Every structure is written in C-alpha cells, then in structure tokens.
C-alpha atoms as a PDB file:
ATOM      1  CA  MET A   1      73.382  86.104 117.576  1.00  0.00           C
ATOM      2  CA  ALA A   2      74.639  86.366 114.137  1.00  0.00           C
ATOM      3  CA  VAL A   3      74.250  90.113 114.039  1.00  0.00           C
ATOM      4  CA  CYS A   4      77.635  90.824 115.553  1.00  0.00           C
ATOM      5  CA  GLY A   5      79.288  88.965 112.725  1.00  0.00           C
ATOM      6  CA  LEU A   6      77.861  91.094 109.882  1.00  0.00           C
ATOM      7  CA  ASN A   7      80.597  93.700 109.957  1.00  0.00           C
ATOM      8  CA  THR A   8      83.575  91.368 109.385  1.00  0.00           C
ATOM      9  CA  HIS A   9      84.391  93.016 105.940  1.00  0.00           C
ATOM     10  CA  ARG A  10      85.956  96.340 107.049  1.00  0.00           C
ATOM     11  CA  ALA A  11      87.458  98.603 104.585  1.00  0.00           C
ATOM     12  CA  PRO A  12      91.279  98.813 104.745  1.00  0.00           C
ATOM     13  CA  ALA A  13      92.518 101.773 106.612  1.00  0.00           C
ATOM     14  CA  VAL A  14      93.644 104.584 104.357  1.00  0.00           C
ATOM     15  CA  ALA A  15      96.540 106.751 105.460  1.00  0.00           C
ATOM     16  CA  PRO A  16      95.433 110.449 105.564  1.00  0.00           C
ATOM     17  CA  VAL A  17      97.245 112.469 102.858  1.00  0.00           C
ATOM     18  CA  VAL A  18      99.271 115.082 104.677  1.00  0.00           C
ATOM     19  CA  SER A  19     100.336 118.020 102.597  1.00  0.00           C
ATOM     20  CA  PRO A  20     103.309 120.250 103.521  1.00  0.00           C
ATOM     21  CA  PRO A  21     102.448 123.385 105.230  1.00  0.00           C
ATOM     22  CA  ARG A  22     101.383 126.297 103.141  1.00  0.00           C
ATOM     23  CA  ILE A  23     103.634 129.247 102.644  1.00  0.00           C
ATOM     24  CA  GLY A  24     103.271 131.522 105.752  1.00  0.00           C
ATOM     25  CA  GLY A  25     105.079 133.304 108.495  1.00  0.00           C
ATOM     26  CA  TRP A  26     108.172 135.082 107.539  1.00  0.00           C
ATOM     27  CA  LEU A  27     108.154 133.235 104.079  1.00  0.00           C
ATOM     28  CA  TRP A  28     105.633 135.931 103.060  1.00  0.00           C
ATOM     29  CA  VAL A  29     108.520 138.496 103.514  1.00  0.00           C
ATOM     30  CA  ALA A  30     110.750 136.515 101.249  1.00  0.00           C
ATOM     31  CA  MET A  31     107.924 136.045  98.652  1.00  0.00           C
ATOM     32  CA  SER A  32     107.164 139.646  98.733  1.00  0.00           C
ATOM     33  CA  TYR A  33     110.828 140.625  98.321  1.00  0.00           C
ATOM     34  CA  LEU A  34     111.101 138.258  95.259  1.00  0.00           C
ATOM     35  CA  ILE A  35     107.890 139.836  93.717  1.00  0.00           C
ATOM     36  CA  VAL A  36     109.184 143.404  94.282  1.00  0.00           C
ATOM     37  CA  VAL A  37     112.600 142.512  92.702  1.00  0.00           C
ATOM     38  CA  LEU A  38     110.797 140.835  89.770  1.00  0.00           C
ATOM     39  CA  ILE A  39     108.765 144.024  89.141  1.00  0.00           C
ATOM     40  CA  SER A  40     111.697 146.162  89.411  1.00  0.00           C
ATOM     41  CA  ALA A  41     113.751 143.994  87.158  1.00  0.00           C
ATOM     42  CA  SER A  42     110.883 144.196  84.695  1.00  0.00           C
ATOM     43  CA  LEU A  43     110.845 147.941  84.775  1.00  0.00           C
ATOM     44  CA  ILE A  44     114.598 148.128  84.330  1.00  0.00           C
ATOM     45  CA  ILE A  45     114.408 145.888  81.242  1.00  0.00           C
ATOM     46  CA  VAL A  46     111.792 148.196  79.774  1.00  0.00           C
ATOM     47  CA  ILE A  47     113.938 151.271  80.500  1.00  0.00           C
ATOM     48  CA  PHE A  48     116.884 149.654  78.830  1.00  0.00           C
ATOM     49  CA  LEU A  49     114.837 148.620  75.808  1.00  0.00           C
ATOM     50  CA  LEU A  50     113.393 152.054  75.378  1.00  0.00           C
ATOM     51  CA  ALA A  51     116.881 153.731  75.642  1.00  0.00           C
ATOM     52  CA  LEU A  52     118.302 151.322  73.082  1.00  0.00           C
ATOM     53  CA  MET A  53     115.447 151.946  70.643  1.00  0.00           C
ATOM     54  CA  ASN A  54     115.430 155.714  71.067  1.00  0.00           C
ATOM     55  CA  HIS A  55     119.225 156.107  70.924  1.00  0.00           C
ATOM     56  CA  TRP A  56     120.203 153.223  68.652  1.00  0.00           C
ATOM     57  CA  GLY A  57     122.234 155.351  66.248  1.00  0.00           C
ATOM     58  CA  VAL A  58     124.449 156.774  69.031  1.00  0.00           C
ATOM     59  CA  LEU A  59     124.589 153.520  71.081  1.00  0.00           C
ATOM     60  CA  SER A  60     125.373 151.199  68.215  1.00  0.00           C
ATOM     61  CA  GLN A  61     128.613 153.134  67.362  1.00  0.00           C
ATOM     62  CA  THR A  62     130.163 153.403  70.685  1.00  0.00           C
ATOM     63  CA  LEU A  63     131.609 151.259  73.487  1.00  0.00           C
ATOM     64  CA  PHE A  64     128.865 152.804  75.716  1.00  0.00           C
ATOM     65  CA  GLY A  65     126.236 150.941  73.574  1.00  0.00           C
ATOM     66  CA  ALA A  66     128.031 147.624  74.370  1.00  0.00           C
ATOM     67  CA  GLN A  67     127.782 148.457  78.031  1.00  0.00           C
ATOM     68  CA  TRP A  68     124.120 149.117  77.818  1.00  0.00           C
ATOM     69  CA  ALA A  69     123.552 145.903  75.984  1.00  0.00           C
ATOM     70  CA  ALA A  70     125.589 144.019  78.639  1.00  0.00           C
ATOM     71  CA  SER A  71     123.590 145.601  81.322  1.00  0.00           C
ATOM     72  CA  LEU A  72     120.286 144.720  79.453  1.00  0.00           C
ATOM     73  CA  LEU A  73     121.593 141.078  79.253  1.00  0.00           C
ATOM     74  CA  THR A  74     122.379 141.114  82.928  1.00  0.00           C
ATOM     75  CA  ALA A  75     118.957 142.409  83.814  1.00  0.00           C
ATOM     76  CA  ALA A  76     117.188 139.912  81.720  1.00  0.00           C
ATOM     77  CA  ILE A  77     119.295 137.032  83.231  1.00  0.00           C
ATOM     78  CA  MET A  78     118.552 138.305  86.839  1.00  0.00           C
ATOM     79  CA  TRP A  79     114.839 138.668  85.840  1.00  0.00           C
ATOM     80  CA  GLY A  80     114.802 135.066  84.633  1.00  0.00           C
ATOM     81  CA  PHE A  81     116.580 133.788  87.789  1.00  0.00           C
ATOM     82  CA  THR A  82     114.112 135.693  89.987  1.00  0.00           C
ATOM     83  CA  PHE A  83     111.087 134.308  88.113  1.00  0.00           C
ATOM     84  CA  TRP A  84     112.552 130.759  88.455  1.00  0.00           C
ATOM     85  CA  THR A  85     113.290 131.234  92.183  1.00  0.00           C
ATOM     86  CA  LEU A  86     109.722 132.546  92.755  1.00  0.00           C
ATOM     87  CA  ARG A  87     108.302 129.559  90.834  1.00  0.00           C
ATOM     88  CA  LEU A  88     110.228 127.208  92.923  1.00  0.00           C
ATOM     89  CA  MET A  89     108.852 128.728  96.100  1.00  0.00           C
ATOM     90  CA  LEU A  90     105.243 128.667  94.859  1.00  0.00           C
ATOM     91  CA  LYS A  91     105.561 125.078  93.961  1.00  0.00           C
ATOM     92  CA  ARG A  92     107.127 124.369  97.397  1.00  0.00           C
ATOM     93  CA  SER A  93     110.099 122.631  95.742  1.00  0.00           C
ATOM     94  CA  ARG A  94     112.821 121.253  97.902  1.00  0.00           C
ATOM     95  CA  ARG A  95     115.406 123.030  95.684  1.00  0.00           C
ATOM     96  CA  PHE A  96     114.063 126.329  96.741  1.00  0.00           C
ATOM     97  CA  PRO A  97     116.121 127.022  99.830  1.00  0.00           C
ATOM     98  CA  LYS A  98     119.490 126.515  98.007  1.00  0.00           C
ATOM     99  CA  VAL A  99     118.329 128.480  94.953  1.00  0.00           C
ATOM    100  CA  PHE A 100     117.134 131.219  97.206  1.00  0.00           C
ATOM    101  CA  ILE A 101     120.405 131.596  98.917  1.00  0.00           C
ATOM    102  CA  LEU A 102     122.184 131.654  95.579  1.00  0.00           C
ATOM    103  CA  TRP A 103     119.794 134.241  94.363  1.00  0.00           C
ATOM    104  CA  LEU A 104     120.621 136.409  97.365  1.00  0.00           C
ATOM    105  CA  LEU A 105     124.199 135.950  96.728  1.00  0.00           C
ATOM    106  CA  ALA A 106     123.776 136.867  93.006  1.00  0.00           C
ATOM    107  CA  GLY A 107     122.058 140.202  94.176  1.00  0.00           C
ATOM    108  CA  ILE A 108     125.103 140.992  96.389  1.00  0.00           C
ATOM    109  CA  VAL A 109     127.553 140.407  93.490  1.00  0.00           C
ATOM    110  CA  LEU A 110     125.464 142.565  91.139  1.00  0.00           C
ATOM    111  CA  ALA A 111     125.341 145.363  93.673  1.00  0.00           C
ATOM    112  CA  LEU A 112     129.107 145.000  94.294  1.00  0.00           C
ATOM    113  CA  LYS A 113     129.684 145.211  90.437  1.00  0.00           C
ATOM    114  CA  ALA A 114     127.731 148.322  90.372  1.00  0.00           C
ATOM    115  CA  PHE A 115     129.711 149.729  93.269  1.00  0.00           C
ATOM    116  CA  ALA A 116     132.973 148.898  91.608  1.00  0.00           C
ATOM    117  CA  PHE A 117     132.504 149.472  87.932  1.00  0.00           C
ATOM    118  CA  SER A 118     129.545 151.791  87.421  1.00  0.00           C
ATOM    119  CA  PRO A 119     130.078 155.536  86.874  1.00  0.00           C
ATOM    120  CA  ILE A 120     127.771 156.512  89.842  1.00  0.00           C
ATOM    121  CA  THR A 121     128.541 158.182  93.154  1.00  0.00           C
ATOM    122  CA  ASP A 122     129.651 156.008  96.064  1.00  0.00           C
ATOM    123  CA  GLU A 123     126.595 157.061  98.120  1.00  0.00           C
ATOM    124  CA  LEU A 124     124.262 155.741  95.368  1.00  0.00           C
ATOM    125  CA  ALA A 125     126.170 152.601  95.050  1.00  0.00           C
ATOM    126  CA  LEU A 126     126.231 151.966  98.788  1.00  0.00           C
ATOM    127  CA  HIS A 127     122.359 152.629  98.828  1.00  0.00           C
ATOM    128  CA  GLN A 128     121.961 150.049  96.107  1.00  0.00           C
ATOM    129  CA  LEU A 129     124.188 147.612  98.192  1.00  0.00           C
ATOM    130  CA  TYR A 130     122.212 147.946 101.521  1.00  0.00           C
ATOM    131  CA  TRP A 131     119.052 146.083 100.456  1.00  0.00           C
ATOM    132  CA  PRO A 132     120.866 142.883  99.080  1.00  0.00           C
ATOM    133  CA  LEU A 133     123.107 142.805 102.179  1.00  0.00           C
ATOM    134  CA  LEU A 134     120.182 143.138 104.551  1.00  0.00           C
ATOM    135  CA  ALA A 135     118.096 140.542 102.570  1.00  0.00           C
ATOM    136  CA  ALA A 136     121.041 138.072 102.772  1.00  0.00           C
ATOM    137  CA  ALA A 137     121.816 138.836 106.293  1.00  0.00           C
ATOM    138  CA  LEU A 138     118.315 138.061 107.485  1.00  0.00           C
ATOM    139  CA  GLY A 139     117.232 135.563 104.719  1.00  0.00           C
ATOM    140  CA  VAL A 140     120.214 133.059 104.799  1.00  0.00           C
ATOM    141  CA  PRO A 141     120.068 132.206 108.521  1.00  0.00           C
ATOM    142  CA  TYR A 142     116.269 131.921 108.407  1.00  0.00           C
ATOM    143  CA  ILE A 143     116.235 129.712 105.320  1.00  0.00           C
ATOM    144  CA  LYS A 144     119.024 127.568 106.743  1.00  0.00           C
ATOM    145  CA  ARG A 145     117.615 127.129 110.328  1.00  0.00           C
ATOM    146  CA  SER A 146     113.881 127.519 110.050  1.00  0.00           C
ATOM    147  CA  LEU A 147     111.684 124.521 110.847  1.00  0.00           C
ATOM    148  CA  ARG A 148     108.853 126.021 108.753  1.00  0.00           C
ATOM    149  CA  VAL A 149     111.162 126.126 105.757  1.00  0.00           C
ATOM    150  CA  LYS A 150     112.140 122.487 106.187  1.00  0.00           C
ATOM    151  CA  ARG A 151     108.486 121.443 106.524  1.00  0.00           C
ATOM    152  CA  THR A 152     107.188 123.567 103.771  1.00  0.00           C
ATOM    153  CA  PHE A 153     109.723 122.833 100.877  1.00  0.00           C
ATOM    154  CA  THR A 154     109.393 119.085 100.494  1.00  0.00           C
ATOM    155  CA  GLN A 155     108.053 118.747  97.013  1.00  0.00           C
ATOM    156  CA  ALA A 156     110.383 117.151  94.374  1.00  0.00           C
END
C-alpha cells in the first residue's frame, strides 16, 4: 500500500560535531607548572614593587636601582609570557605547543642569566636552574611526540 511511501522526505544527514579532546593526562602537569610559575612571578613582581617603593631614595641614585628596575621589567615580561602561554593552552590553540617550548627555553635562559650574572651563591643558582632544566627535559619531548597533544591543540 501507500503507507511505505510516506517517509520519502528524510532529513539530510548532519555530521556530528567532534570537539578536540579536553586537556587531560600529562597535560595537567604542564598546566599546573604554568599556574605555579604564574603565581610565583606575581609574587616576585609584588616583592620588587614593594622594595622599589620602600627604598626609592636609595635605589633611584645608584646603579643597583637600575638593576632592580631591569629585574622588575624582566619579571613582568615573563609574567605576561606565562599568562599568554596558559591562555593558549586553555583555548586549545594550535600555537600552544611551539609557544610552550619557547616558554620553557625562556625559563632556562633566565635561570642561566641568574647563574652567570647575579651576585648569589653557585648552590642557589644551580637550585634555580634545576626546575627549568627538568621541565624542558621532560616537557619538550612530550609536547613534540605526544598524540594527545596533537589531538588536543587543534583550534585556530
């Protein structure tokens, strides 16, 4: 009968929207490290600003004050870079893996700068160098080779 011919107008097949995987696995470690560095950079900026405000008379007349101002500027730039890297990660941007590797390298360069030019003991400078080196040694191969990273960071 004609009953079989009633369903001739089918809706067009709609492809399911597949979103990239959420941040998970070892990416939580990378995100946690970024958050910890962001918090510590924030505290360093506060300490530098308090020192500059409390000792402005002495610091403004010496070369030591210029070094403090340069350190404050460096900390502010690193804070901005860390914030931007974390933002790219949370947006699952495809630029994140490359920016994260650059961020790790910037951390190593800053630790080497502290080791070479800061008037601190070698033991303290090496202690500051361990974490960026460890993060880069573990983070770069994971970011470069991980299938999860390739699947997660696909947004423009």
